[in-house]
């Protein structure tokens, strides 16, 4: 691919990106104005009155992140080096689905200790050392590891390693992988952890009688364009509502404070 074509591709990417961000900005503008006018202390009081509690103190300081882009690839199709497992490969998703020939007994209280050793061996998992255990996205039967690069962690489904447990044994895993990443723009400021939670509250995304269990700043997919995937930092907020043991997650665009509409429920059973 020549440099002229690369320039054209990135020009189209930036145009699509700017259109998307402008749309997100318009959607989130009212929420941002509400937060600014109400003030942090006022919102904290309102949340307390609605019986919304926090697991810890929220940081008021902005962070930073990047616009990142990866191109289509099929890195995981070279799985023939893996041993002692049956593998099916999905070329559309570049995804490995593995079933172990012999299930492996894991620590009942801390199963990730066994899995950490397993994944770091090249004959067991491709690029296993690039993934870190993520308690926020895991449950009793599915231990999620997220791809980690120098820019941070990627909560995207494109860069996950999910291990399945059954009856105290590791029985298999699914894997996706984000290939080489390029920085599209220089470092940008992000909103603070406090503002992310406040934005969710003013958008009525955190119900009354809830407890915010955790927050995390991680990368996820923004959009696809002409064979490239654009990633940005996103604030993830996990909370549990009284009477419901399922952890729910909401997402906020960390650059502009806009609500990411594809919210999700993990189905994670939270210990009392």
C-alpha atoms as a PDB file:
ATOM      1  CA  UNK A   1       0.000   0.000   0.000  1.00  0.00           C
ATOM      2  CA  UNK A   2       1.512   3.384  -1.036  1.00  0.00           C
ATOM      3  CA  UNK A   3       1.629   6.435   1.203  1.00  0.00           C
ATOM      4  CA  UNK A   4      -0.886   8.353  -0.917  1.00  0.00           C
ATOM      5  CA  UNK A   5      -3.512   5.677  -0.366  1.00  0.00           C
ATOM      6  CA  UNK A   6      -2.745   5.592   3.339  1.00  0.00           C
ATOM      7  CA  UNK A   7      -3.262   9.346   3.549  1.00  0.00           C
ATOM      8  CA  UNK A   8      -6.637   9.050   1.791  1.00  0.00           C
ATOM      9  CA  UNK A   9      -7.775   6.266   4.124  1.00  0.00           C
ATOM     10  CA  UNK A  10      -6.858   8.210   7.241  1.00  0.00           C
ATOM     11  CA  UNK A  11      -8.546  11.328   5.843  1.00  0.00           C
ATOM     12  CA  UNK A  12     -11.811   9.406   5.520  1.00  0.00           C
ATOM     13  CA  UNK A  13     -11.316   7.942   8.995  1.00  0.00           C
ATOM     14  CA  UNK A  14     -10.943  11.390  10.522  1.00  0.00           C
ATOM     15  CA  UNK A  15     -14.003  12.709   8.672  1.00  0.00           C
ATOM     16  CA  UNK A  16     -16.135   9.803   9.920  1.00  0.00           C
ATOM     17  CA  UNK A  17     -14.662  10.196  13.386  1.00  0.00           C
ATOM     18  CA  UNK A  18     -15.424  13.913  13.542  1.00  0.00           C
ATOM     19  CA  UNK A  19     -19.016  13.335  12.420  1.00  0.00           C
ATOM     20  CA  UNK A  20     -19.488  10.679  15.082  1.00  0.00           C
ATOM     21  CA  UNK A  21     -17.944  12.804  17.820  1.00  0.00           C
ATOM     22  CA  UNK A  22     -20.059  15.817  16.879  1.00  0.00           C
ATOM     23  CA  UNK A  23     -23.182  13.677  17.120  1.00  0.00           C
ATOM     24  CA  UNK A  24     -22.065  12.327  20.491  1.00  0.00           C
ATOM     25  CA  UNK A  25     -21.305  15.841  21.671  1.00  0.00           C
ATOM     26  CA  UNK A  26     -24.800  17.072  20.819  1.00  0.00           C
ATOM     27  CA  UNK A  27     -26.361  14.132  22.663  1.00  0.00           C
ATOM     28  CA  UNK A  28     -24.259  14.693  25.764  1.00  0.00           C
ATOM     29  CA  UNK A  29     -24.317  18.516  25.803  1.00  0.00           C
ATOM     30  CA  UNK A  30     -27.358  18.814  28.034  1.00  0.00           C
ATOM     31  CA  UNK A  31     -25.892  16.334  30.507  1.00  0.00           C
ATOM     32  CA  UNK A  32     -22.595  18.220  30.639  1.00  0.00           C
ATOM     33  CA  UNK A  33     -24.378  21.544  31.232  1.00  0.00           C
ATOM     34  CA  UNK A  34     -26.415  19.964  34.021  1.00  0.00           C
ATOM     35  CA  UNK A  35     -23.288  18.667  35.710  1.00  0.00           C
ATOM     36  CA  UNK A  36     -21.509  22.013  35.466  1.00  0.00           C
ATOM     37  CA  UNK A  37     -24.435  24.011  36.785  1.00  0.00           C
ATOM     38  CA  UNK A  38     -25.343  21.676  39.608  1.00  0.00           C
ATOM     39  CA  UNK A  39     -21.816  21.297  40.893  1.00  0.00           C
ATOM     40  CA  UNK A  40     -20.110  18.198  42.254  1.00  0.00           C
ATOM     41  CA  UNK A  41     -21.175  18.669  45.870  1.00  0.00           C
ATOM     42  CA  UNK A  42     -24.813  19.193  44.897  1.00  0.00           C
ATOM     43  CA  UNK A  43     -24.857  16.009  42.809  1.00  0.00           C
ATOM     44  CA  UNK A  44     -23.240  14.060  45.628  1.00  0.00           C
ATOM     45  CA  UNK A  45     -26.022  15.207  47.941  1.00  0.00           C
ATOM     46  CA  UNK A  46     -28.685  14.294  45.383  1.00  0.00           C
ATOM     47  CA  UNK A  47     -27.197  10.831  44.892  1.00  0.00           C
ATOM     48  CA  UNK A  48     -27.168  10.302  48.640  1.00  0.00           C
ATOM     49  CA  UNK A  49     -30.839  11.287  48.824  1.00  0.00           C
ATOM     50  CA  UNK A  50     -31.568   8.711  46.108  1.00  0.00           C
ATOM     51  CA  UNK A  51     -29.700   6.110  48.159  1.00  0.00           C
ATOM     52  CA  UNK A  52     -26.925   5.733  45.580  1.00  0.00           C
ATOM     53  CA  UNK A  53     -23.700   4.815  47.319  1.00  0.00           C
ATOM     54  CA  UNK A  54     -20.100   4.510  46.180  1.00  0.00           C
ATOM     55  CA  UNK A  55     -17.608   1.793  47.016  1.00  0.00           C
ATOM     56  CA  UNK A  56     -14.866   4.409  47.396  1.00  0.00           C
ATOM     57  CA  UNK A  57     -13.952   8.042  46.791  1.00  0.00           C
ATOM     58  CA  UNK A  58     -14.048   9.135  43.150  1.00  0.00           C
ATOM     59  CA  UNK A  59     -11.080  10.916  41.570  1.00  0.00           C
ATOM     60  CA  UNK A  60     -11.728  14.452  40.296  1.00  0.00           C
ATOM     61  CA  UNK A  61      -8.571  14.657  38.178  1.00  0.00           C
ATOM     62  CA  UNK A  62      -8.728  14.210  34.369  1.00  0.00           C
ATOM     63  CA  UNK A  63      -6.644  11.498  32.754  1.00  0.00           C
ATOM     64  CA  UNK A  64      -5.506  11.122  29.141  1.00  0.00           C
ATOM     65  CA  UNK A  65      -5.809   8.775  26.185  1.00  0.00           C
ATOM     66  CA  UNK A  66      -5.422   8.357  22.438  1.00  0.00           C
ATOM     67  CA  UNK A  67      -7.351   7.681  19.272  1.00  0.00           C
ATOM     68  CA  UNK A  68      -5.977   4.313  18.145  1.00  0.00           C
ATOM     69  CA  UNK A  69      -6.541   2.328  14.952  1.00  0.00           C
ATOM     70  CA  UNK A  70      -5.960  -1.297  14.007  1.00  0.00           C
ATOM     71  CA  UNK A  71      -6.409  -2.937  10.627  1.00  0.00           C
ATOM     72  CA  UNK A  72      -8.050  -6.243   9.775  1.00  0.00           C
ATOM     73  CA  UNK A  73      -5.852  -9.249  10.383  1.00  0.00           C
ATOM     74  CA  UNK A  74      -6.005 -12.978  10.933  1.00  0.00           C
ATOM     75  CA  UNK A  75      -3.259 -13.362  13.498  1.00  0.00           C
ATOM     76  CA  UNK A  76      -4.918 -16.214  15.407  1.00  0.00           C
ATOM     77  CA  UNK A  77      -5.252 -18.532  12.428  1.00  0.00           C
ATOM     78  CA  UNK A  78      -1.681 -19.685  13.094  1.00  0.00           C
ATOM     79  CA  UNK A  79      -2.852 -21.930  15.943  1.00  0.00           C
ATOM     80  CA  UNK A  80      -1.165 -25.150  14.874  1.00  0.00           C
ATOM     81  CA  UNK A  81       1.521 -24.692  17.537  1.00  0.00           C
ATOM     82  CA  UNK A  82      -1.065 -25.137  20.309  1.00  0.00           C
ATOM     83  CA  UNK A  83      -1.137 -28.501  22.064  1.00  0.00           C
ATOM     84  CA  UNK A  84      -3.527 -30.746  24.017  1.00  0.00           C
ATOM     85  CA  UNK A  85      -6.700 -29.015  22.882  1.00  0.00           C
ATOM     86  CA  UNK A  86      -9.290 -29.167  20.123  1.00  0.00           C
ATOM     87  CA  UNK A  87      -9.631 -25.875  18.246  1.00  0.00           C
ATOM     88  CA  UNK A  88     -12.160 -24.354  15.885  1.00  0.00           C
ATOM     89  CA  UNK A  89     -11.303 -21.077  14.197  1.00  0.00           C
ATOM     90  CA  UNK A  90     -13.772 -18.385  13.111  1.00  0.00           C
ATOM     91  CA  UNK A  91     -12.107 -16.455  10.297  1.00  0.00           C
ATOM     92  CA  UNK A  92     -14.797 -13.738  10.227  1.00  0.00           C
ATOM     93  CA  UNK A  93     -14.109 -12.794  13.845  1.00  0.00           C
ATOM     94  CA  UNK A  94     -10.490 -14.013  13.922  1.00  0.00           C
ATOM     95  CA  UNK A  95     -11.517 -16.006  17.000  1.00  0.00           C
ATOM     96  CA  UNK A  96     -10.234 -19.220  18.521  1.00  0.00           C
ATOM     97  CA  UNK A  97     -12.613 -21.576  20.319  1.00  0.00           C
ATOM     98  CA  UNK A  98     -10.688 -24.152  22.312  1.00  0.00           C
ATOM     99  CA  UNK A  99     -11.733 -27.243  24.259  1.00  0.00           C
ATOM    100  CA  UNK A 100      -9.018 -28.825  26.397  1.00  0.00           C
ATOM    101  CA  UNK A 101      -8.358 -32.523  25.865  1.00  0.00           C
ATOM    102  CA  UNK A 102      -8.103 -32.968  29.633  1.00  0.00           C
ATOM    103  CA  UNK A 103      -9.791 -30.445  32.008  1.00  0.00           C
ATOM    104  CA  UNK A 104      -7.392 -28.871  34.495  1.00  0.00           C
ATOM    105  CA  UNK A 105      -8.158 -28.597  38.210  1.00  0.00           C
ATOM    106  CA  UNK A 106      -7.979 -24.975  39.447  1.00  0.00           C
ATOM    107  CA  UNK A 107      -7.803 -23.309  42.872  1.00  0.00           C
ATOM    108  CA  UNK A 108     -11.386 -23.088  44.115  1.00  0.00           C
ATOM    109  CA  UNK A 109     -10.966 -19.663  45.750  1.00  0.00           C
ATOM    110  CA  UNK A 110      -8.466 -18.125  43.324  1.00  0.00           C
ATOM    111  CA  UNK A 111      -8.758 -19.945  39.984  1.00  0.00           C
ATOM    112  CA  UNK A 112      -6.846 -17.201  38.135  1.00  0.00           C
ATOM    113  CA  UNK A 113      -3.628 -18.344  39.800  1.00  0.00           C
ATOM    114  CA  UNK A 114      -3.802 -21.645  37.922  1.00  0.00           C
ATOM    115  CA  UNK A 115      -4.934 -19.978  34.706  1.00  0.00           C
ATOM    116  CA  UNK A 116      -2.169 -17.356  34.832  1.00  0.00           C
ATOM    117  CA  UNK A 117       0.422 -20.129  34.666  1.00  0.00           C
ATOM    118  CA  UNK A 118      -1.479 -21.952  31.940  1.00  0.00           C
ATOM    119  CA  UNK A 119      -1.979 -18.982  29.595  1.00  0.00           C
ATOM    120  CA  UNK A 120       1.638 -17.832  29.753  1.00  0.00           C
ATOM    121  CA  UNK A 121       2.907 -20.975  28.020  1.00  0.00           C
ATOM    122  CA  UNK A 122       3.151 -20.613  24.238  1.00  0.00           C
ATOM    123  CA  UNK A 123       1.848 -24.116  23.555  1.00  0.00           C
ATOM    124  CA  UNK A 124      -1.336 -23.360  25.504  1.00  0.00           C
ATOM    125  CA  UNK A 125      -2.415 -19.857  24.387  1.00  0.00           C
ATOM    126  CA  UNK A 126      -1.219 -17.563  21.607  1.00  0.00           C
ATOM    127  CA  UNK A 127       0.183 -14.257  22.931  1.00  0.00           C
ATOM    128  CA  UNK A 128      -1.010 -15.258  26.394  1.00  0.00           C
ATOM    129  CA  UNK A 129       1.337 -12.916  28.223  1.00  0.00           C
ATOM    130  CA  UNK A 130      -0.388  -9.911  26.627  1.00  0.00           C
ATOM    131  CA  UNK A 131      -3.596 -10.564  28.588  1.00  0.00           C
ATOM    132  CA  UNK A 132      -4.338  -9.647  32.196  1.00  0.00           C
ATOM    133  CA  UNK A 133      -7.045 -10.985  34.471  1.00  0.00           C
ATOM    134  CA  UNK A 134     -10.044  -8.634  34.748  1.00  0.00           C
ATOM    135  CA  UNK A 135     -12.177  -9.290  37.822  1.00  0.00           C
ATOM    136  CA  UNK A 136     -14.648  -6.588  36.730  1.00  0.00           C
ATOM    137  CA  UNK A 137     -15.759  -8.591  33.679  1.00  0.00           C
ATOM    138  CA  UNK A 138     -15.516 -12.076  35.185  1.00  0.00           C
ATOM    139  CA  UNK A 139     -17.970 -14.330  36.961  1.00  0.00           C
ATOM    140  CA  UNK A 140     -17.777 -17.740  38.638  1.00  0.00           C
ATOM    141  CA  UNK A 141     -17.835 -19.708  35.400  1.00  0.00           C
ATOM    142  CA  UNK A 142     -16.097 -17.319  33.008  1.00  0.00           C
ATOM    143  CA  UNK A 143     -12.756 -15.751  33.824  1.00  0.00           C
ATOM    144  CA  UNK A 144     -12.081 -12.849  31.495  1.00  0.00           C
ATOM    145  CA  UNK A 145      -8.605 -11.660  30.572  1.00  0.00           C
ATOM    146  CA  UNK A 146      -8.227  -8.431  28.601  1.00  0.00           C
ATOM    147  CA  UNK A 147      -5.501  -7.510  26.176  1.00  0.00           C
ATOM    148  CA  UNK A 148      -3.087  -4.975  27.632  1.00  0.00           C
ATOM    149  CA  UNK A 149      -0.765  -2.749  25.649  1.00  0.00           C
ATOM    150  CA  UNK A 150       1.322   0.304  26.476  1.00  0.00           C
ATOM    151  CA  UNK A 151      -1.716   2.576  26.115  1.00  0.00           C
ATOM    152  CA  UNK A 152      -3.742   0.640  28.658  1.00  0.00           C
ATOM    153  CA  UNK A 153      -6.242  -2.205  28.891  1.00  0.00           C
ATOM    154  CA  UNK A 154      -8.725  -3.064  26.145  1.00  0.00           C
ATOM    155  CA  UNK A 155     -12.180  -4.126  27.336  1.00  0.00           C
ATOM    156  CA  UNK A 156     -13.235  -4.551  23.712  1.00  0.00           C
ATOM    157  CA  UNK A 157     -14.591  -7.930  22.627  1.00  0.00           C
ATOM    158  CA  UNK A 158     -11.882  -7.777  19.954  1.00  0.00           C
ATOM    159  CA  UNK A 159      -9.128  -8.329  22.533  1.00  0.00           C
ATOM    160  CA  UNK A 160     -10.370 -10.823  25.102  1.00  0.00           C
ATOM    161  CA  UNK A 161      -9.356 -14.203  26.411  1.00  0.00           C
ATOM    162  CA  UNK A 162     -12.234 -15.889  28.250  1.00  0.00           C
ATOM    163  CA  UNK A 163     -11.698 -19.140  30.131  1.00  0.00           C
ATOM    164  CA  UNK A 164     -14.615 -21.463  30.927  1.00  0.00           C
ATOM    165  CA  UNK A 165     -14.784 -23.291  34.238  1.00  0.00           C
ATOM    166  CA  UNK A 166     -16.984 -26.275  35.052  1.00  0.00           C
ATOM    167  CA  UNK A 167     -17.037 -28.154  38.362  1.00  0.00           C
ATOM    168  CA  UNK A 168     -13.810 -26.528  39.501  1.00  0.00           C
ATOM    169  CA  UNK A 169     -11.918 -27.321  36.313  1.00  0.00           C
ATOM    170  CA  UNK A 170     -10.709 -25.342  33.334  1.00  0.00           C
ATOM    171  CA  UNK A 171     -12.399 -26.861  30.286  1.00  0.00           C
ATOM    172  CA  UNK A 172     -11.724 -24.406  27.450  1.00  0.00           C
ATOM    173  CA  UNK A 173     -11.424 -20.813  26.269  1.00  0.00           C
ATOM    174  CA  UNK A 174     -12.313 -18.304  23.551  1.00  0.00           C
ATOM    175  CA  UNK A 175      -9.766 -15.807  22.280  1.00  0.00           C
ATOM    176  CA  UNK A 176      -9.761 -12.697  20.118  1.00  0.00           C
ATOM    177  CA  UNK A 177      -6.746 -10.508  19.470  1.00  0.00           C
ATOM    178  CA  UNK A 178      -6.122  -6.896  18.487  1.00  0.00           C
ATOM    179  CA  UNK A 179      -3.197  -6.643  16.119  1.00  0.00           C
ATOM    180  CA  UNK A 180      -0.818  -3.769  15.555  1.00  0.00           C
ATOM    181  CA  UNK A 181      -2.172  -0.391  16.660  1.00  0.00           C
ATOM    182  CA  UNK A 182      -1.386   3.055  15.296  1.00  0.00           C
ATOM    183  CA  UNK A 183      -1.883   6.382  17.077  1.00  0.00           C
ATOM    184  CA  UNK A 184      -4.175   8.626  15.038  1.00  0.00           C
ATOM    185  CA  UNK A 185      -3.899  11.758  17.169  1.00  0.00           C
ATOM    186  CA  UNK A 186      -1.606  13.023  19.891  1.00  0.00           C
ATOM    187  CA  UNK A 187      -2.509  12.520  23.551  1.00  0.00           C
ATOM    188  CA  UNK A 188      -5.899  13.941  24.533  1.00  0.00           C
ATOM    189  CA  UNK A 189      -7.375  14.798  27.946  1.00  0.00           C
ATOM    190  CA  UNK A 190     -10.237  12.696  29.282  1.00  0.00           C
ATOM    191  CA  UNK A 191     -12.965  13.491  31.774  1.00  0.00           C
ATOM    192  CA  UNK A 192     -12.433  12.480  35.395  1.00  0.00           C
ATOM    193  CA  UNK A 193     -13.825   9.422  37.144  1.00  0.00           C
ATOM    194  CA  UNK A 194     -16.107  11.711  39.174  1.00  0.00           C
ATOM    195  CA  UNK A 195     -17.528  13.389  36.097  1.00  0.00           C
ATOM    196  CA  UNK A 196     -18.174  10.032  34.408  1.00  0.00           C
ATOM    197  CA  UNK A 197     -20.321   8.839  37.324  1.00  0.00           C
ATOM    198  CA  UNK A 198     -22.057  12.237  37.557  1.00  0.00           C
ATOM    199  CA  UNK A 199     -22.875  12.079  33.848  1.00  0.00           C
ATOM    200  CA  UNK A 200     -24.514   8.678  34.267  1.00  0.00           C
ATOM    201  CA  UNK A 201     -26.514   9.954  37.212  1.00  0.00           C
ATOM    202  CA  UNK A 202     -27.814  13.059  35.408  1.00  0.00           C
ATOM    203  CA  UNK A 203     -28.796  10.827  32.472  1.00  0.00           C
ATOM    204  CA  UNK A 204     -30.820   8.619  34.853  1.00  0.00           C
ATOM    205  CA  UNK A 205     -28.599   5.635  34.068  1.00  0.00           C
ATOM    206  CA  UNK A 206     -27.959   4.752  37.724  1.00  0.00           C
ATOM    207  CA  UNK A 207     -31.231   3.748  39.443  1.00  0.00           C
ATOM    208  CA  UNK A 208     -32.122   4.690  42.998  1.00  0.00           C
ATOM    209  CA  UNK A 209     -31.016   2.274  45.725  1.00  0.00           C
ATOM    210  CA  UNK A 210     -27.851   1.288  43.854  1.00  0.00           C
ATOM    211  CA  UNK A 211     -24.231   0.861  44.818  1.00  0.00           C
ATOM    212  CA  UNK A 212     -21.449   1.734  42.390  1.00  0.00           C
ATOM    213  CA  UNK A 213     -19.046  -1.168  42.835  1.00  0.00           C
ATOM    214  CA  UNK A 214     -16.228  -0.163  40.505  1.00  0.00           C
ATOM    215  CA  UNK A 215     -15.084   2.161  37.744  1.00  0.00           C
ATOM    216  CA  UNK A 216     -12.414   1.552  35.141  1.00  0.00           C
ATOM    217  CA  UNK A 217     -10.875   3.523  32.276  1.00  0.00           C
ATOM    218  CA  UNK A 218     -10.180   1.195  29.346  1.00  0.00           C
ATOM    219  CA  UNK A 219     -10.201   1.190  25.546  1.00  0.00           C
ATOM    220  CA  UNK A 220     -13.088  -0.028  23.434  1.00  0.00           C
ATOM    221  CA  UNK A 221     -14.184   0.135  19.831  1.00  0.00           C
ATOM    222  CA  UNK A 222     -15.641   3.422  18.606  1.00  0.00           C
ATOM    223  CA  UNK A 223     -16.319   2.540  14.966  1.00  0.00           C
ATOM    224  CA  UNK A 224     -15.213   0.513  11.955  1.00  0.00           C
ATOM    225  CA  UNK A 225     -14.172   2.228   8.745  1.00  0.00           C
ATOM    226  CA  UNK A 226     -12.790   0.729   5.527  1.00  0.00           C
ATOM    227  CA  UNK A 227     -11.127  -2.229   7.217  1.00  0.00           C
ATOM    228  CA  UNK A 228      -9.856  -0.245  10.208  1.00  0.00           C
ATOM    229  CA  UNK A 229     -11.165  -0.258  13.776  1.00  0.00           C
ATOM    230  CA  UNK A 230     -10.932   2.933  15.838  1.00  0.00           C
ATOM    231  CA  UNK A 231     -10.510   2.648  19.625  1.00  0.00           C
ATOM    232  CA  UNK A 232     -10.936   5.319  22.290  1.00  0.00           C
ATOM    233  CA  UNK A 233     -10.764   5.350  26.115  1.00  0.00           C
ATOM    234  CA  UNK A 234     -14.103   4.741  27.810  1.00  0.00           C
ATOM    235  CA  UNK A 235     -15.157   4.977  31.437  1.00  0.00           C
ATOM    236  CA  UNK A 236     -16.848   1.763  32.586  1.00  0.00           C
ATOM    237  CA  UNK A 237     -19.043   1.933  35.675  1.00  0.00           C
ATOM    238  CA  UNK A 238     -20.330  -1.233  37.337  1.00  0.00           C
ATOM    239  CA  UNK A 239     -23.199  -1.075  39.823  1.00  0.00           C
ATOM    240  CA  UNK A 240     -25.702  -3.300  41.601  1.00  0.00           C
ATOM    241  CA  UNK A 241     -29.269  -2.286  42.402  1.00  0.00           C
ATOM    242  CA  UNK A 242     -30.960  -3.378  45.620  1.00  0.00           C
ATOM    243  CA  UNK A 243     -32.850  -6.626  45.099  1.00  0.00           C
ATOM    244  CA  UNK A 244     -30.837  -7.538  41.993  1.00  0.00           C
ATOM    245  CA  UNK A 245     -27.575  -9.479  42.273  1.00  0.00           C
ATOM    246  CA  UNK A 246     -26.632  -9.000  38.633  1.00  0.00           C
ATOM    247  CA  UNK A 247     -23.861  -6.508  37.991  1.00  0.00           C
ATOM    248  CA  UNK A 248     -24.814  -3.917  35.376  1.00  0.00           C
ATOM    249  CA  UNK A 249     -22.345  -1.840  33.383  1.00  0.00           C
ATOM    250  CA  UNK A 250     -22.717   1.585  31.807  1.00  0.00           C
ATOM    251  CA  UNK A 251     -20.178   3.275  29.557  1.00  0.00           C
ATOM    252  CA  UNK A 252     -19.178   6.897  29.058  1.00  0.00           C
ATOM    253  CA  UNK A 253     -17.045   8.310  26.240  1.00  0.00           C
ATOM    254  CA  UNK A 254     -13.993   9.480  28.174  1.00  0.00           C
ATOM    255  CA  UNK A 255     -13.188  12.237  25.681  1.00  0.00           C
ATOM    256  CA  UNK A 256     -16.515  14.075  25.537  1.00  0.00           C
ATOM    257  CA  UNK A 257     -18.584  12.641  28.386  1.00  0.00           C
ATOM    258  CA  UNK A 258     -21.233  11.268  26.024  1.00  0.00           C
ATOM    259  CA  UNK A 259     -23.269   8.226  27.022  1.00  0.00           C
ATOM    260  CA  UNK A 260     -22.393   5.082  25.064  1.00  0.00           C
ATOM    261  CA  UNK A 261     -25.800   3.593  24.304  1.00  0.00           C
ATOM    262  CA  UNK A 262     -24.838  -0.073  24.100  1.00  0.00           C
ATOM    263  CA  UNK A 263     -24.968  -0.583  27.860  1.00  0.00           C
ATOM    264  CA  UNK A 264     -24.827  -4.134  29.138  1.00  0.00           C
ATOM    265  CA  UNK A 265     -25.578  -6.434  32.018  1.00  0.00           C
ATOM    266  CA  UNK A 266     -22.861  -8.922  32.863  1.00  0.00           C
ATOM    267  CA  UNK A 267     -25.102 -11.380  34.606  1.00  0.00           C
ATOM    268  CA  UNK A 268     -22.394 -11.626  37.269  1.00  0.00           C
ATOM    269  CA  UNK A 269     -23.709 -12.862  40.570  1.00  0.00           C
ATOM    270  CA  UNK A 270     -22.324 -10.514  43.197  1.00  0.00           C
ATOM    271  CA  UNK A 271     -21.303 -12.018  46.537  1.00  0.00           C
ATOM    272  CA  UNK A 272     -23.079 -10.596  49.547  1.00  0.00           C
END
